[in-house]
Amino acid sequence: MPLIKRSLSLSGHRTSLSLEPEFWTVLDQAAALEHRSLAALINAIDAERGEDPLASSVRVWVLRRLMREDR
């Protein structure tokens, strides 16, 4: 499955993030449920990620969210 690349601003810097469509779907839904923009959600994930790559951190965030929802 091809990755989808989206551009956004993180801490005032333009960057792009490539993820599978399924991850974007969960992120869009999460942002809507939390009444914040996708950029704000990604910024929050970015702030907590440490040295890990952003794409990996986002995928782990999505996985953890889905695991919490299954409980």
C-alpha atoms as a PDB file:
ATOM      1  CA  MET A   1       0.000   0.000   0.000  1.00  0.00           C
ATOM      2  CA  PRO A   2       1.452   3.384  -0.952  1.00  0.00           C
ATOM      3  CA  LEU A   3       2.245   5.960   1.691  1.00  0.00           C
ATOM      4  CA  ILE A   4       0.413   9.264   1.775  1.00  0.00           C
ATOM      5  CA  LYS A   5       2.563  12.326   2.384  1.00  0.00           C
ATOM      6  CA  ARG A   6       1.109  15.352   4.150  1.00  0.00           C
ATOM      7  CA  SER A   7       2.828  18.640   4.895  1.00  0.00           C
ATOM      8  CA  LEU A   8       2.402  20.408   8.216  1.00  0.00           C
ATOM      9  CA  SER A   9       4.110  22.798  10.595  1.00  0.00           C
ATOM     10  CA  LEU A  10       5.813  21.450  13.700  1.00  0.00           C
ATOM     11  CA  SER A  11       7.037  24.049  16.163  1.00  0.00           C
ATOM     12  CA  GLY A  12       6.992  26.664  13.415  1.00  0.00           C
ATOM     13  CA  HIS A  13       8.899  24.558  10.876  1.00  0.00           C
ATOM     14  CA  ARG A  14       7.363  23.057   7.743  1.00  0.00           C
ATOM     15  CA  THR A  15       7.851  19.319   7.400  1.00  0.00           C
ATOM     16  CA  SER A  16       6.180  16.388   5.740  1.00  0.00           C
ATOM     17  CA  LEU A  17       5.072  13.081   7.148  1.00  0.00           C
ATOM     18  CA  SER A  18       4.455   9.906   5.146  1.00  0.00           C
ATOM     19  CA  LEU A  19       2.117   7.275   6.581  1.00  0.00           C
ATOM     20  CA  GLU A  20      -0.174   4.537   5.366  1.00  0.00           C
ATOM     21  CA  PRO A  21      -3.767   5.691   4.741  1.00  0.00           C
ATOM     22  CA  GLU A  22      -5.082   3.710   7.723  1.00  0.00           C
ATOM     23  CA  PHE A  23      -2.903   5.720  10.106  1.00  0.00           C
ATOM     24  CA  TRP A  24      -4.117   8.997   8.619  1.00  0.00           C
ATOM     25  CA  THR A  25      -7.714   7.848   9.082  1.00  0.00           C
ATOM     26  CA  VAL A  26      -7.196   7.174  12.803  1.00  0.00           C
ATOM     27  CA  LEU A  27      -5.310  10.455  13.256  1.00  0.00           C
ATOM     28  CA  ASP A  28      -8.040  12.463  11.507  1.00  0.00           C
ATOM     29  CA  GLN A  29     -10.718  10.792  13.647  1.00  0.00           C
ATOM     30  CA  ALA A  30      -8.741  11.368  16.849  1.00  0.00           C
ATOM     31  CA  ALA A  31      -8.199  15.037  16.049  1.00  0.00           C
ATOM     32  CA  ALA A  32     -11.912  15.508  15.363  1.00  0.00           C
ATOM     33  CA  LEU A  33     -12.925  13.726  18.583  1.00  0.00           C
ATOM     34  CA  GLU A  34     -10.479  15.856  20.574  1.00  0.00           C
ATOM     35  CA  HIS A  35     -11.681  19.064  18.854  1.00  0.00           C
ATOM     36  CA  ARG A  36      -8.233  20.038  17.656  1.00  0.00           C
ATOM     37  CA  SER A  37      -6.455  20.253  14.371  1.00  0.00           C
ATOM     38  CA  LEU A  38      -4.426  17.427  12.935  1.00  0.00           C
ATOM     39  CA  ALA A  39      -1.353  19.666  13.204  1.00  0.00           C
ATOM     40  CA  ALA A  40      -2.004  20.204  16.924  1.00  0.00           C
ATOM     41  CA  LEU A  41      -2.307  16.449  17.468  1.00  0.00           C
ATOM     42  CA  ILE A  42       0.908  15.723  15.554  1.00  0.00           C
ATOM     43  CA  ASN A  43       2.648  18.524  17.484  1.00  0.00           C
ATOM     44  CA  ALA A  44       1.651  16.864  20.763  1.00  0.00           C
ATOM     45  CA  ILE A  45       3.010  13.510  19.574  1.00  0.00           C
ATOM     46  CA  ASP A  46       6.190  15.246  18.380  1.00  0.00           C
ATOM     47  CA  ALA A  47       6.705  16.904  21.763  1.00  0.00           C
ATOM     48  CA  GLU A  48       6.661  13.512  23.519  1.00  0.00           C
ATOM     49  CA  ARG A  49       8.699  11.443  21.059  1.00  0.00           C
ATOM     50  CA  GLY A  50      12.266  11.976  22.229  1.00  0.00           C
ATOM     51  CA  GLU A  51      14.816  10.738  19.678  1.00  0.00           C
ATOM     52  CA  ASP A  52      12.500   8.342  17.824  1.00  0.00           C
ATOM     53  CA  PRO A  53      11.577   9.157  14.217  1.00  0.00           C
ATOM     54  CA  LEU A  54       8.318  11.082  13.950  1.00  0.00           C
ATOM     55  CA  ALA A  55       6.625   8.552  11.649  1.00  0.00           C
ATOM     56  CA  SER A  56       7.429   5.705  14.047  1.00  0.00           C
ATOM     57  CA  SER A  57       6.196   7.709  17.019  1.00  0.00           C
ATOM     58  CA  VAL A  58       2.923   8.496  15.251  1.00  0.00           C
ATOM     59  CA  ARG A  59       2.380   4.831  14.356  1.00  0.00           C
ATOM     60  CA  VAL A  60       3.001   3.780  17.977  1.00  0.00           C
ATOM     61  CA  TRP A  61       0.641   6.514  19.208  1.00  0.00           C
ATOM     62  CA  VAL A  62      -2.094   5.210  16.886  1.00  0.00           C
ATOM     63  CA  LEU A  63      -1.488   1.622  18.001  1.00  0.00           C
ATOM     64  CA  ARG A  64      -1.693   2.579  21.675  1.00  0.00           C
ATOM     65  CA  ARG A  65      -4.886   4.553  21.092  1.00  0.00           C
ATOM     66  CA  LEU A  66      -6.517   1.619  19.335  1.00  0.00           C
ATOM     67  CA  MET A  67      -5.415  -0.761  22.095  1.00  0.00           C
ATOM     68  CA  ARG A  68      -7.005   1.532  24.729  1.00  0.00           C
ATOM     69  CA  GLU A  69     -10.242   1.639  22.740  1.00  0.00           C
ATOM     70  CA  ASP A  70     -10.400  -2.169  22.652  1.00  0.00           C
ATOM     71  CA  ARG A  71     -10.520  -2.400  26.442  1.00  0.00           C
END
